[in-house]
Amino acid sequence: MSLTDDQQTHDDLPRASFTSFEESTAEDWAVIVPQLALTQSLVADRVIKLMRELETDHGGFPVNRLEHSLQTATRAERDNRDDEYVLCALLHDIGDTLSPFNHPDIAAAILKPFVSEANHFLVENHGVFQGYYFWDYIGMDGNAREQFRGHEHFDHTEEFCALYDQTAFDASYLSNPLEHYEPLIRQFLQG
């Protein structure tokens, strides 16, 4: 379904009539609340579209951002990580083209309702943990992850970056295509 189809789907539905929340009524919310399921049903398609957009940006890296994400997920999958972990590996950088400096927050917000606390922490903080490998080269503190030392999910996040994220820039690596992961995205995000 394209976003144009999304718009048509929503345009056909009834709307509330208030101009501010203060003016809203129970009847207005009776119109709005049932439509949340429709909106959620479109999230997987929207996420897949955003993932495809990562292909247009390499940011100077050896591979484009989609390939990096696919490599990260493929490496985790080939290492027999569970589906939720693989999904997090796939989507961890989905916000890169929208907001490079806080892209982990975007991915974490998308995934939060659907993943464990450990995997949410991993996605939300992978940027700081990934900084261990290169921040010293760009005038930042490569040991910034140490602020989380002792946190119950420190080792989980450190391992993700060491095994999957920081190794996923190999232009000769044969990754699974995005289509391989579309059912997984739908399984978790369709609602």
C-alpha atoms as a PDB file:
ATOM      1  CA  MET A   1       0.000   0.000   0.000  1.00  0.00           C
ATOM      2  CA  SER A   2       1.441   3.387  -0.920  1.00  0.00           C
ATOM      3  CA  LEU A   3       1.115   6.501   1.201  1.00  0.00           C
ATOM      4  CA  THR A   4      -1.389   7.780  -1.378  1.00  0.00           C
ATOM      5  CA  ASP A   5      -3.463   4.688  -0.629  1.00  0.00           C
ATOM      6  CA  ASP A   6      -2.997   5.404   3.091  1.00  0.00           C
ATOM      7  CA  GLN A   7      -4.367   8.886   2.581  1.00  0.00           C
ATOM      8  CA  GLN A   8      -7.362   7.592   0.609  1.00  0.00           C
ATOM      9  CA  THR A   9      -8.051   5.023   3.319  1.00  0.00           C
ATOM     10  CA  HIS A  10      -8.044   7.721   5.987  1.00  0.00           C
ATOM     11  CA  ASP A  11      -9.937  10.308   3.926  1.00  0.00           C
ATOM     12  CA  ASP A  12     -12.889   7.930   3.636  1.00  0.00           C
ATOM     13  CA  LEU A  13     -13.252   7.652   7.417  1.00  0.00           C
ATOM     14  CA  PRO A  14     -15.245   9.941   9.710  1.00  0.00           C
ATOM     15  CA  ARG A  15     -13.485  12.746  11.571  1.00  0.00           C
ATOM     16  CA  ALA A  16     -13.953  14.407  14.928  1.00  0.00           C
ATOM     17  CA  SER A  17     -15.157  18.007  14.879  1.00  0.00           C
ATOM     18  CA  PHE A  18     -13.197  19.769  17.637  1.00  0.00           C
ATOM     19  CA  THR A  19     -10.573  22.463  17.119  1.00  0.00           C
ATOM     20  CA  SER A  20      -8.776  21.833  20.436  1.00  0.00           C
ATOM     21  CA  PHE A  21      -8.597  18.930  22.858  1.00  0.00           C
ATOM     22  CA  GLU A  22     -10.384  21.085  25.434  1.00  0.00           C
ATOM     23  CA  GLU A  23     -13.427  21.107  23.150  1.00  0.00           C
ATOM     24  CA  SER A  24     -13.328  17.376  22.407  1.00  0.00           C
ATOM     25  CA  THR A  25     -16.100  15.079  23.530  1.00  0.00           C
ATOM     26  CA  ALA A  26     -16.507  11.376  24.209  1.00  0.00           C
ATOM     27  CA  GLU A  27     -18.206  11.130  20.805  1.00  0.00           C
ATOM     28  CA  ASP A  28     -15.122  12.628  19.115  1.00  0.00           C
ATOM     29  CA  TRP A  29     -12.872  10.096  20.794  1.00  0.00           C
ATOM     30  CA  ALA A  30     -15.241   7.318  19.807  1.00  0.00           C
ATOM     31  CA  VAL A  31     -14.456   8.305  16.201  1.00  0.00           C
ATOM     32  CA  ILE A  32     -10.680   8.573  16.756  1.00  0.00           C
ATOM     33  CA  VAL A  33      -9.803   5.560  18.896  1.00  0.00           C
ATOM     34  CA  PRO A  34     -10.971   2.839  16.480  1.00  0.00           C
ATOM     35  CA  GLN A  35      -8.834   4.362  13.729  1.00  0.00           C
ATOM     36  CA  LEU A  36      -5.653   3.728  15.705  1.00  0.00           C
ATOM     37  CA  ALA A  37      -5.743   0.091  14.557  1.00  0.00           C
ATOM     38  CA  LEU A  38      -5.811   1.226  10.916  1.00  0.00           C
ATOM     39  CA  THR A  39      -2.887   3.579  11.464  1.00  0.00           C
ATOM     40  CA  GLN A  40      -0.912   0.826  13.211  1.00  0.00           C
ATOM     41  CA  SER A  41      -1.688  -1.605  10.388  1.00  0.00           C
ATOM     42  CA  LEU A  42       0.145   0.750   8.007  1.00  0.00           C
ATOM     43  CA  VAL A  43       3.310   1.063  10.121  1.00  0.00           C
ATOM     44  CA  ALA A  44       5.068  -1.989   8.666  1.00  0.00           C
ATOM     45  CA  ASP A  45       4.668  -0.679   5.108  1.00  0.00           C
ATOM     46  CA  ARG A  46       5.901   2.741   6.166  1.00  0.00           C
ATOM     47  CA  VAL A  47       8.933   1.242   7.915  1.00  0.00           C
ATOM     48  CA  ILE A  48       9.770  -0.824   4.830  1.00  0.00           C
ATOM     49  CA  LYS A  49       9.558   2.336   2.734  1.00  0.00           C
ATOM     50  CA  LEU A  50      11.901   4.155   5.119  1.00  0.00           C
ATOM     51  CA  MET A  51      14.316   1.235   4.977  1.00  0.00           C
ATOM     52  CA  ARG A  52      14.364   1.432   1.168  1.00  0.00           C
ATOM     53  CA  GLU A  53      15.213   5.136   1.413  1.00  0.00           C
ATOM     54  CA  LEU A  54      18.413   4.222   3.290  1.00  0.00           C
ATOM     55  CA  GLU A  55      19.726   2.837   0.002  1.00  0.00           C
ATOM     56  CA  THR A  56      20.096   6.368  -1.400  1.00  0.00           C
ATOM     57  CA  ASP A  57      22.590   7.489   1.261  1.00  0.00           C
ATOM     58  CA  HIS A  58      26.064   6.145   1.937  1.00  0.00           C
ATOM     59  CA  GLY A  59      27.241   9.067   4.065  1.00  0.00           C
ATOM     60  CA  GLY A  60      30.824   8.371   2.989  1.00  0.00           C
ATOM     61  CA  PHE A  61      30.777   4.838   4.393  1.00  0.00           C
ATOM     62  CA  PRO A  62      31.959   1.865   2.288  1.00  0.00           C
ATOM     63  CA  VAL A  63      28.339   0.689   1.906  1.00  0.00           C
ATOM     64  CA  ASN A  64      25.010   2.520   1.816  1.00  0.00           C
ATOM     65  CA  ARG A  65      22.924   2.701   4.945  1.00  0.00           C
ATOM     66  CA  LEU A  66      20.477   0.032   3.795  1.00  0.00           C
ATOM     67  CA  GLU A  67      23.300  -2.411   3.097  1.00  0.00           C
ATOM     68  CA  HIS A  68      24.758  -1.677   6.541  1.00  0.00           C
ATOM     69  CA  SER A  69      21.389  -2.455   8.118  1.00  0.00           C
ATOM     70  CA  LEU A  70      20.949  -5.615   6.052  1.00  0.00           C
ATOM     71  CA  GLN A  71      24.464  -6.779   6.917  1.00  0.00           C
ATOM     72  CA  THR A  72      23.852  -6.178  10.602  1.00  0.00           C
ATOM     73  CA  ALA A  73      20.604  -8.170  10.519  1.00  0.00           C
ATOM     74  CA  THR A  74      22.018 -10.922   8.311  1.00  0.00           C
ATOM     75  CA  ARG A  75      25.016 -11.403  10.590  1.00  0.00           C
ATOM     76  CA  ALA A  76      22.736 -11.623  13.625  1.00  0.00           C
ATOM     77  CA  GLU A  77      20.379 -14.029  11.857  1.00  0.00           C
ATOM     78  CA  ARG A  78      23.245 -16.272  10.692  1.00  0.00           C
ATOM     79  CA  ASP A  79      24.419 -16.306  14.299  1.00  0.00           C
ATOM     80  CA  ASN A  80      21.015 -17.761  15.280  1.00  0.00           C
ATOM     81  CA  ARG A  81      19.786 -14.711  17.169  1.00  0.00           C
ATOM     82  CA  ASP A  82      16.040 -14.678  17.794  1.00  0.00           C
ATOM     83  CA  ASP A  83      13.611 -12.808  15.555  1.00  0.00           C
ATOM     84  CA  GLU A  84      13.255  -9.827  17.873  1.00  0.00           C
ATOM     85  CA  TYR A  85      17.019  -9.338  18.003  1.00  0.00           C
ATOM     86  CA  VAL A  86      17.278  -9.624  14.214  1.00  0.00           C
ATOM     87  CA  LEU A  87      14.516  -7.035  13.819  1.00  0.00           C
ATOM     88  CA  CYS A  88      16.398  -4.662  16.122  1.00  0.00           C
ATOM     89  CA  ALA A  89      19.602  -5.282  14.162  1.00  0.00           C
ATOM     90  CA  LEU A  90      17.745  -4.480  10.950  1.00  0.00           C
ATOM     91  CA  LEU A  91      16.043  -1.298  12.144  1.00  0.00           C
ATOM     92  CA  HIS A  92      18.726   0.096  14.485  1.00  0.00           C
ATOM     93  CA  ASP A  93      19.775   2.800  11.983  1.00  0.00           C
ATOM     94  CA  ILE A  94      16.394   3.517  10.357  1.00  0.00           C
ATOM     95  CA  GLY A  95      16.598   7.118  11.586  1.00  0.00           C
ATOM     96  CA  ASP A  96      19.987   7.824   9.978  1.00  0.00           C
ATOM     97  CA  THR A  97      18.598   9.821   7.058  1.00  0.00           C
ATOM     98  CA  LEU A  98      15.982  11.628   9.162  1.00  0.00           C
ATOM     99  CA  SER A  99      18.219  12.736  12.029  1.00  0.00           C
ATOM    100  CA  PRO A 100      21.800  11.448  11.967  1.00  0.00           C
ATOM    101  CA  PHE A 101      22.770  12.800  15.397  1.00  0.00           C
ATOM    102  CA  ASN A 102      19.919  11.147  17.258  1.00  0.00           C
ATOM    103  CA  HIS A 103      19.003   8.300  14.929  1.00  0.00           C
ATOM    104  CA  PRO A 104      19.061   5.724  17.760  1.00  0.00           C
ATOM    105  CA  ASP A 105      16.163   7.566  19.427  1.00  0.00           C
ATOM    106  CA  ILE A 106      14.058   7.248  16.274  1.00  0.00           C
ATOM    107  CA  ALA A 107      14.637   3.514  15.957  1.00  0.00           C
ATOM    108  CA  ALA A 108      14.092   3.001  19.678  1.00  0.00           C
ATOM    109  CA  ALA A 109      10.794   4.892  19.572  1.00  0.00           C
ATOM    110  CA  ILE A 110       9.526   2.771  16.685  1.00  0.00           C
ATOM    111  CA  LEU A 111      10.514  -0.482  18.382  1.00  0.00           C
ATOM    112  CA  LYS A 112       9.721   0.252  22.052  1.00  0.00           C
ATOM    113  CA  PRO A 113       6.171  -1.171  22.154  1.00  0.00           C
ATOM    114  CA  PHE A 114       7.260  -4.396  20.448  1.00  0.00           C
ATOM    115  CA  VAL A 115      10.594  -5.455  21.957  1.00  0.00           C
ATOM    116  CA  SER A 116      12.108  -6.397  25.295  1.00  0.00           C
ATOM    117  CA  GLU A 117      13.686  -3.875  27.620  1.00  0.00           C
ATOM    118  CA  ALA A 118      17.139  -5.310  26.795  1.00  0.00           C
ATOM    119  CA  ASN A 119      16.698  -4.913  23.040  1.00  0.00           C
ATOM    120  CA  HIS A 120      15.137  -1.484  23.426  1.00  0.00           C
ATOM    121  CA  PHE A 121      18.150  -0.366  25.481  1.00  0.00           C
ATOM    122  CA  LEU A 122      20.450  -1.837  22.813  1.00  0.00           C
ATOM    123  CA  VAL A 123      18.798   0.122  20.008  1.00  0.00           C
ATOM    124  CA  GLU A 124      18.432   3.319  22.022  1.00  0.00           C
ATOM    125  CA  ASN A 125      22.079   3.351  23.109  1.00  0.00           C
ATOM    126  CA  HIS A 126      23.926   1.655  20.257  1.00  0.00           C
ATOM    127  CA  GLY A 127      25.205   5.008  18.995  1.00  0.00           C
ATOM    128  CA  VAL A 128      27.159   5.698  22.176  1.00  0.00           C
ATOM    129  CA  PHE A 129      28.437   2.115  22.291  1.00  0.00           C
ATOM    130  CA  GLN A 130      29.389   2.237  18.603  1.00  0.00           C
ATOM    131  CA  GLY A 131      31.330   5.422  19.347  1.00  0.00           C
ATOM    132  CA  TYR A 132      33.898   3.250  21.116  1.00  0.00           C
ATOM    133  CA  TYR A 133      35.265   2.292  17.703  1.00  0.00           C
ATOM    134  CA  PHE A 134      35.680   5.754  16.182  1.00  0.00           C
ATOM    135  CA  TRP A 135      34.698   8.732  18.317  1.00  0.00           C
ATOM    136  CA  ASP A 136      38.321   9.387  19.320  1.00  0.00           C
ATOM    137  CA  TYR A 137      39.030  10.058  15.611  1.00  0.00           C
ATOM    138  CA  ILE A 138      36.396  12.791  15.399  1.00  0.00           C
ATOM    139  CA  GLY A 139      37.080  14.653  18.641  1.00  0.00           C
ATOM    140  CA  MET A 140      34.565  12.837  20.804  1.00  0.00           C
ATOM    141  CA  ASP A 141      35.033  10.525  23.780  1.00  0.00           C
ATOM    142  CA  GLY A 142      35.391   6.944  22.551  1.00  0.00           C
ATOM    143  CA  ASN A 143      34.791   5.747  26.094  1.00  0.00           C
ATOM    144  CA  ALA A 144      31.435   7.491  26.473  1.00  0.00           C
ATOM    145  CA  ARG A 145      29.756   4.099  26.770  1.00  0.00           C
ATOM    146  CA  GLU A 146      31.407   3.764  30.179  1.00  0.00           C
ATOM    147  CA  GLN A 147      28.594   5.896  31.600  1.00  0.00           C
ATOM    148  CA  PHE A 148      26.492   2.741  31.252  1.00  0.00           C
ATOM    149  CA  ARG A 149      29.052   0.350  32.780  1.00  0.00           C
ATOM    150  CA  GLY A 150      27.214  -1.673  35.410  1.00  0.00           C
ATOM    151  CA  HIS A 151      23.853  -1.311  33.661  1.00  0.00           C
ATOM    152  CA  GLU A 152      22.135  -4.669  33.299  1.00  0.00           C
ATOM    153  CA  HIS A 153      22.112  -4.350  29.480  1.00  0.00           C
ATOM    154  CA  PHE A 154      25.655  -3.038  29.023  1.00  0.00           C
ATOM    155  CA  ASP A 155      27.118  -6.384  27.919  1.00  0.00           C
ATOM    156  CA  HIS A 156      24.172  -7.054  25.592  1.00  0.00           C
ATOM    157  CA  THR A 157      24.680  -3.723  23.804  1.00  0.00           C
ATOM    158  CA  GLU A 158      28.473  -3.941  23.786  1.00  0.00           C
ATOM    159  CA  GLU A 159      28.231  -7.392  22.169  1.00  0.00           C
ATOM    160  CA  PHE A 160      25.776  -6.171  19.514  1.00  0.00           C
ATOM    161  CA  CYS A 161      28.160  -3.442  18.432  1.00  0.00           C
ATOM    162  CA  ALA A 162      31.226  -5.706  18.555  1.00  0.00           C
ATOM    163  CA  LEU A 163      29.734  -8.643  16.661  1.00  0.00           C
ATOM    164  CA  TYR A 164      27.227  -7.087  14.292  1.00  0.00           C
ATOM    165  CA  ASP A 165      27.075  -3.299  14.022  1.00  0.00           C
ATOM    166  CA  GLN A 166      30.722  -2.279  13.727  1.00  0.00           C
ATOM    167  CA  THR A 167      31.513  -5.202  11.396  1.00  0.00           C
ATOM    168  CA  ALA A 168      28.719  -4.447   8.902  1.00  0.00           C
ATOM    169  CA  PHE A 169      30.549  -2.237   6.406  1.00  0.00           C
ATOM    170  CA  ASP A 170      31.951  -4.940   4.117  1.00  0.00           C
ATOM    171  CA  ALA A 171      31.104  -4.231   0.467  1.00  0.00           C
ATOM    172  CA  SER A 172      31.823  -7.881  -0.430  1.00  0.00           C
ATOM    173  CA  TYR A 173      29.502  -9.378   2.219  1.00  0.00           C
ATOM    174  CA  LEU A 174      26.443 -11.192   0.836  1.00  0.00           C
ATOM    175  CA  SER A 175      23.481  -9.906   2.832  1.00  0.00           C
ATOM    176  CA  ASN A 176      19.912 -11.064   2.733  1.00  0.00           C
ATOM    177  CA  PRO A 177      17.733  -8.635   0.736  1.00  0.00           C
ATOM    178  CA  LEU A 178      15.189  -6.401   2.434  1.00  0.00           C
ATOM    179  CA  GLU A 179      12.398  -8.589   1.013  1.00  0.00           C
ATOM    180  CA  HIS A 180      13.720 -11.438   3.165  1.00  0.00           C
ATOM    181  CA  TYR A 181      12.960  -9.352   6.263  1.00  0.00           C
ATOM    182  CA  GLU A 182       9.597  -7.907   5.235  1.00  0.00           C
ATOM    183  CA  PRO A 183       7.618 -10.737   6.909  1.00  0.00           C
ATOM    184  CA  LEU A 184       9.576 -10.167  10.117  1.00  0.00           C
ATOM    185  CA  ILE A 185       8.818  -6.435  10.028  1.00  0.00           C
ATOM    186  CA  ARG A 186       5.142  -7.193   9.468  1.00  0.00           C
ATOM    187  CA  GLN A 187       5.091  -9.828  12.227  1.00  0.00           C
ATOM    188  CA  PHE A 188       6.258  -7.339  14.846  1.00  0.00           C
ATOM    189  CA  LEU A 189       4.922  -3.976  13.669  1.00  0.00           C
ATOM    190  CA  GLN A 190       1.591  -4.596  11.995  1.00  0.00           C
ATOM    191  CA  GLY A 191      -0.223  -4.564  15.300  1.00  0.00           C
END
